[in-house]
Amino acid sequence: MSTTAQLALYAPNADVMLVDRISTPSSPRVLHGLAEIRTWIEDICERDMTHRVDMQVLGDTGAAYTENCRYPDGANVLCATVLALRDGRIVRQVGVQAWDEQR
């Protein structure tokens, strides 16, 4: 899916909160609005890795899924994401990710 198509899923004032080993729960990475979300999506899409979405759940006001990613060197990333939806668009996203340490 293109960056433009992915960005179209978000409301103009959407927020994304990311938590991982570097951006901890007490100091998460928070993206506000489409410009910051676009930069994040572009960074992910430009990486040489595969993505597989699993365990999808969808409701009227929210959704959740897990995503498994793999780099060519065999390193894996797992992300669990919860979305708040309004009028069919993402207004808030919370993602928790973990990855293999350097080999």
N, C-alpha and C. Protein backbone atom coordinates (compact mmCIF):
# COMPACT_ATOMS: atom_id res chain seq x y z
N MET A 1 0.85 -1.17 0.00
CA MET A 1 0.00 0.00 0.00
C MET A 1 0.89 1.23 0.00
N SER A 2 0.58 2.18 -0.84
CA SER A 2 1.40 3.39 -0.96
C SER A 2 1.28 4.27 0.28
N THR A 3 2.26 5.15 0.44
CA THR A 3 2.23 6.11 1.55
C THR A 3 0.97 6.95 1.50
N THR A 4 0.58 7.40 0.31
CA THR A 4 -0.62 8.22 0.15
C THR A 4 -1.86 7.45 0.59
N ALA A 5 -1.96 6.19 0.20
CA ALA A 5 -3.11 5.37 0.58
C ALA A 5 -3.14 5.14 2.09
N GLN A 6 -1.98 4.90 2.69
CA GLN A 6 -1.93 4.70 4.14
C GLN A 6 -2.30 5.98 4.87
N LEU A 7 -1.79 7.10 4.41
CA LEU A 7 -2.06 8.38 5.06
C LEU A 7 -3.55 8.74 4.97
N ALA A 8 -4.21 8.31 3.92
CA ALA A 8 -5.64 8.59 3.75
C ALA A 8 -6.49 7.90 4.82
N LEU A 9 -5.94 6.92 5.51
CA LEU A 9 -6.66 6.23 6.57
C LEU A 9 -6.76 7.06 7.86
N TYR A 10 -5.95 8.12 7.96
CA TYR A 10 -5.88 8.93 9.17
C TYR A 10 -6.70 10.22 9.06
N ALA A 11 -7.31 10.61 10.17
CA ALA A 11 -7.97 11.91 10.25
C ALA A 11 -6.89 13.00 10.27
N PRO A 12 -7.21 14.20 9.83
CA PRO A 12 -6.20 15.27 9.77
C PRO A 12 -5.51 15.57 11.11
N ASN A 13 -6.23 15.41 12.20
CA ASN A 13 -5.67 15.72 13.51
C ASN A 13 -5.31 14.47 14.31
N ALA A 14 -5.06 13.37 13.64
CA ALA A 14 -4.77 12.09 14.30
C ALA A 14 -3.48 12.16 15.12
N ASP A 15 -3.44 11.30 16.14
CA ASP A 15 -2.25 11.13 16.98
C ASP A 15 -1.80 9.68 16.93
N VAL A 16 -0.50 9.48 16.91
CA VAL A 16 0.09 8.14 16.97
C VAL A 16 1.06 8.13 18.14
N MET A 17 0.92 7.13 19.02
CA MET A 17 1.84 6.97 20.14
C MET A 17 2.55 5.63 19.98
N LEU A 18 3.88 5.66 20.02
CA LEU A 18 4.69 4.46 19.84
C LEU A 18 5.52 4.21 21.09
N VAL A 19 5.51 2.96 21.54
CA VAL A 19 6.26 2.57 22.73
C VAL A 19 7.16 1.40 22.35
N ASP A 20 8.41 1.48 22.77
CA ASP A 20 9.35 0.39 22.55
C ASP A 20 10.48 0.53 23.57
N ARG A 21 11.57 -0.17 23.35
CA ARG A 21 12.71 -0.15 24.27
C ARG A 21 13.32 1.24 24.38
N ILE A 22 13.28 2.02 23.31
CA ILE A 22 13.86 3.36 23.29
C ILE A 22 12.85 4.40 23.76
N SER A 23 11.65 4.33 23.24
CA SER A 23 10.57 5.26 23.61
C SER A 23 9.67 4.53 24.61
N THR A 24 10.00 4.67 25.87
CA THR A 24 9.36 3.91 26.93
C THR A 24 7.96 4.45 27.26
N PRO A 25 7.16 3.70 28.02
CA PRO A 25 5.82 4.17 28.36
C PRO A 25 5.80 5.54 29.05
N SER A 26 6.83 5.86 29.82
CA SER A 26 6.86 7.16 30.48
C SER A 26 7.34 8.28 29.56
N SER A 27 7.88 7.90 28.41
CA SER A 27 8.35 8.90 27.44
C SER A 27 8.14 8.37 26.02
N PRO A 28 6.88 8.15 25.63
CA PRO A 28 6.61 7.57 24.31
C PRO A 28 6.91 8.54 23.18
N ARG A 29 7.07 7.99 22.00
CA ARG A 29 7.18 8.82 20.79
C ARG A 29 5.75 9.15 20.36
N VAL A 30 5.44 10.43 20.27
CA VAL A 30 4.09 10.85 19.92
C VAL A 30 4.15 11.69 18.64
N LEU A 31 3.33 11.31 17.68
CA LEU A 31 3.23 12.01 16.40
C LEU A 31 1.87 12.69 16.35
N HIS A 32 1.86 13.97 15.98
CA HIS A 32 0.62 14.74 15.90
C HIS A 32 0.39 15.19 14.46
N GLY A 33 -0.74 14.84 13.90
CA GLY A 33 -1.12 15.35 12.58
C GLY A 33 -0.49 14.60 11.43
N LEU A 34 -1.01 14.89 10.25
CA LEU A 34 -0.64 14.14 9.05
C LEU A 34 0.81 14.34 8.62
N ALA A 35 1.39 15.52 8.83
CA ALA A 35 2.78 15.74 8.40
C ALA A 35 3.73 14.83 9.17
N GLU A 36 3.57 14.74 10.48
CA GLU A 36 4.45 13.87 11.29
C GLU A 36 4.17 12.40 11.00
N ILE A 37 2.92 12.05 10.81
CA ILE A 37 2.57 10.66 10.51
C ILE A 37 3.12 10.27 9.14
N ARG A 38 3.06 11.17 8.17
CA ARG A 38 3.61 10.89 6.84
C ARG A 38 5.10 10.56 6.92
N THR A 39 5.86 11.36 7.65
CA THR A 39 7.31 11.13 7.79
C THR A 39 7.57 9.75 8.37
N TRP A 40 6.80 9.35 9.36
CA TRP A 40 6.94 8.04 10.01
C TRP A 40 6.61 6.92 9.02
N ILE A 41 5.49 7.05 8.30
CA ILE A 41 5.11 6.03 7.33
C ILE A 41 6.15 5.91 6.22
N GLU A 42 6.65 7.03 5.73
CA GLU A 42 7.67 7.00 4.68
C GLU A 42 8.93 6.28 5.17
N ASP A 43 9.33 6.53 6.40
CA ASP A 43 10.51 5.87 6.96
C ASP A 43 10.32 4.36 6.99
N ILE A 44 9.17 3.92 7.43
CA ILE A 44 8.89 2.48 7.51
C ILE A 44 8.86 1.86 6.11
N CYS A 45 8.19 2.53 5.18
CA CYS A 45 8.04 1.97 3.84
C CYS A 45 9.35 1.94 3.05
N GLU A 46 10.28 2.80 3.39
CA GLU A 46 11.56 2.83 2.68
C GLU A 46 12.54 1.78 3.20
N ARG A 47 12.24 1.15 4.31
CA ARG A 47 13.14 0.13 4.86
C ARG A 47 13.02 -1.17 4.08
N ASP A 48 14.14 -1.87 3.98
CA ASP A 48 14.18 -3.16 3.30
C ASP A 48 13.73 -4.23 4.29
N MET A 49 12.42 -4.47 4.34
CA MET A 49 11.87 -5.48 5.24
C MET A 49 10.52 -5.95 4.70
N THR A 50 10.12 -7.11 5.15
CA THR A 50 8.79 -7.61 4.80
C THR A 50 7.85 -7.32 5.96
N HIS A 51 6.56 -7.18 5.64
CA HIS A 51 5.53 -6.91 6.64
C HIS A 51 4.40 -7.92 6.47
N ARG A 52 3.92 -8.44 7.59
CA ARG A 52 2.77 -9.34 7.54
C ARG A 52 1.83 -8.96 8.68
N VAL A 53 0.59 -8.63 8.34
CA VAL A 53 -0.41 -8.28 9.34
C VAL A 53 -1.14 -9.55 9.76
N ASP A 54 -1.26 -9.75 11.07
CA ASP A 54 -1.94 -10.91 11.64
C ASP A 54 -2.97 -10.44 12.66
N MET A 55 -3.73 -11.37 13.16
CA MET A 55 -4.64 -11.17 14.30
C MET A 55 -5.39 -9.84 14.23
N GLN A 56 -6.22 -9.69 13.24
CA GLN A 56 -6.98 -8.46 13.03
C GLN A 56 -8.32 -8.52 13.75
N VAL A 57 -8.67 -7.41 14.40
CA VAL A 57 -9.96 -7.26 15.06
C VAL A 57 -10.53 -5.92 14.62
N LEU A 58 -11.81 -5.87 14.24
CA LEU A 58 -12.41 -4.63 13.76
C LEU A 58 -13.76 -4.42 14.43
N GLY A 59 -13.99 -3.21 14.90
CA GLY A 59 -15.27 -2.82 15.47
C GLY A 59 -15.69 -1.48 14.88
N ASP A 60 -16.83 -0.98 15.30
CA ASP A 60 -17.34 0.29 14.78
C ASP A 60 -16.46 1.48 15.17
N THR A 61 -15.90 1.44 16.36
CA THR A 61 -15.12 2.58 16.85
C THR A 61 -13.65 2.27 17.07
N GLY A 62 -13.22 1.08 16.67
CA GLY A 62 -11.82 0.75 16.87
C GLY A 62 -11.41 -0.50 16.12
N ALA A 63 -10.10 -0.72 16.11
CA ALA A 63 -9.53 -1.90 15.47
C ALA A 63 -8.20 -2.21 16.15
N ALA A 64 -7.72 -3.43 15.94
CA ALA A 64 -6.43 -3.84 16.49
C ALA A 64 -5.83 -4.89 15.56
N TYR A 65 -4.52 -4.96 15.58
CA TYR A 65 -3.84 -5.97 14.78
C TYR A 65 -2.41 -6.13 15.29
N THR A 66 -1.81 -7.24 14.90
CA THR A 66 -0.38 -7.42 15.11
C THR A 66 0.29 -7.41 13.75
N GLU A 67 1.53 -6.96 13.73
CA GLU A 67 2.31 -6.91 12.50
C GLU A 67 3.68 -7.53 12.76
N ASN A 68 4.03 -8.48 11.91
CA ASN A 68 5.34 -9.13 11.98
C ASN A 68 6.19 -8.62 10.82
N CYS A 69 7.37 -8.12 11.15
CA CYS A 69 8.28 -7.60 10.13
C CYS A 69 9.60 -8.36 10.22
N ARG A 70 10.27 -8.45 9.07
CA ARG A 70 11.55 -9.17 9.03
C ARG A 70 12.50 -8.44 8.10
N TYR A 71 13.71 -8.17 8.62
CA TYR A 71 14.77 -7.56 7.83
C TYR A 71 15.53 -8.67 7.09
N PRO A 72 16.24 -8.33 6.01
CA PRO A 72 16.97 -9.35 5.25
C PRO A 72 18.00 -10.12 6.08
N ASP A 73 18.53 -9.50 7.15
CA ASP A 73 19.53 -10.20 7.98
C ASP A 73 18.89 -11.17 8.96
N GLY A 74 17.56 -11.29 8.93
CA GLY A 74 16.86 -12.22 9.80
C GLY A 74 16.30 -11.60 11.07
N ALA A 75 16.61 -10.34 11.34
CA ALA A 75 16.08 -9.67 12.53
C ALA A 75 14.57 -9.49 12.39
N ASN A 76 13.85 -9.72 13.47
CA ASN A 76 12.40 -9.64 13.48
C ASN A 76 11.90 -8.48 14.34
N VAL A 77 10.76 -7.94 13.95
CA VAL A 77 10.08 -6.90 14.71
C VAL A 77 8.63 -7.34 14.86
N LEU A 78 8.09 -7.20 16.06
CA LEU A 78 6.68 -7.48 16.31
C LEU A 78 6.03 -6.23 16.86
N CYS A 79 4.91 -5.84 16.28
CA CYS A 79 4.19 -4.65 16.72
C CYS A 79 2.73 -5.02 16.98
N ALA A 80 2.20 -4.60 18.13
CA ALA A 80 0.78 -4.74 18.44
C ALA A 80 0.19 -3.33 18.42
N THR A 81 -0.88 -3.14 17.66
CA THR A 81 -1.45 -1.81 17.45
C THR A 81 -2.94 -1.80 17.75
N VAL A 82 -3.38 -0.72 18.41
CA VAL A 82 -4.79 -0.48 18.67
C VAL A 82 -5.15 0.86 18.05
N LEU A 83 -6.27 0.90 17.36
CA LEU A 83 -6.71 2.11 16.67
C LEU A 83 -8.06 2.58 17.21
N ALA A 84 -8.21 3.88 17.40
CA ALA A 84 -9.52 4.48 17.66
C ALA A 84 -9.99 5.08 16.34
N LEU A 85 -11.23 4.78 15.96
CA LEU A 85 -11.77 5.21 14.68
C LEU A 85 -12.94 6.17 14.88
N ARG A 86 -13.00 7.17 14.01
CA ARG A 86 -14.15 8.07 13.97
C ARG A 86 -14.45 8.36 12.51
N ASP A 87 -15.69 8.17 12.11
CA ASP A 87 -16.09 8.40 10.72
C ASP A 87 -15.22 7.62 9.75
N GLY A 88 -14.82 6.41 10.15
CA GLY A 88 -14.05 5.54 9.28
C GLY A 88 -12.57 5.86 9.17
N ARG A 89 -12.08 6.81 9.95
CA ARG A 89 -10.66 7.19 9.90
C ARG A 89 -10.01 7.01 11.26
N ILE A 90 -8.71 6.80 11.23
CA ILE A 90 -7.94 6.65 12.47
C ILE A 90 -7.76 8.02 13.12
N VAL A 91 -8.18 8.13 14.38
CA VAL A 91 -7.98 9.37 15.13
C VAL A 91 -6.91 9.22 16.20
N ARG A 92 -6.69 7.96 16.63
CA ARG A 92 -5.64 7.70 17.61
C ARG A 92 -5.12 6.30 17.38
N GLN A 93 -3.80 6.16 17.44
CA GLN A 93 -3.15 4.87 17.26
C GLN A 93 -2.12 4.71 18.35
N VAL A 94 -2.12 3.53 18.97
CA VAL A 94 -1.11 3.19 19.97
C VAL A 94 -0.44 1.91 19.50
N GLY A 95 0.88 1.96 19.37
CA GLY A 95 1.64 0.80 18.93
C GLY A 95 2.74 0.47 19.92
N VAL A 96 2.86 -0.80 20.23
CA VAL A 96 3.94 -1.29 21.10
C VAL A 96 4.75 -2.25 20.26
N GLN A 97 6.06 -2.00 20.19
CA GLN A 97 6.89 -2.83 19.33
C GLN A 97 8.12 -3.35 20.06
N ALA A 98 8.54 -4.53 19.64
CA ALA A 98 9.75 -5.15 20.17
C ALA A 98 10.51 -5.75 19.00
N TRP A 99 11.81 -5.76 19.10
CA TRP A 99 12.61 -6.31 18.00
C TRP A 99 13.79 -7.09 18.54
N ASP A 100 14.32 -7.96 17.67
CA ASP A 100 15.50 -8.74 18.01
C ASP A 100 16.66 -7.79 18.25
N GLU A 101 17.48 -8.11 19.22
CA GLU A 101 18.70 -7.32 19.45
C GLU A 101 19.69 -7.59 18.32
N GLN A 102 20.69 -6.73 18.21
CA GLN A 102 21.71 -6.90 17.18
C GLN A 102 22.32 -8.28 17.27
N ARG A 103 22.56 -8.86 16.13
CA ARG A 103 23.18 -10.20 16.10
C ARG A 103 24.67 -10.09 16.00
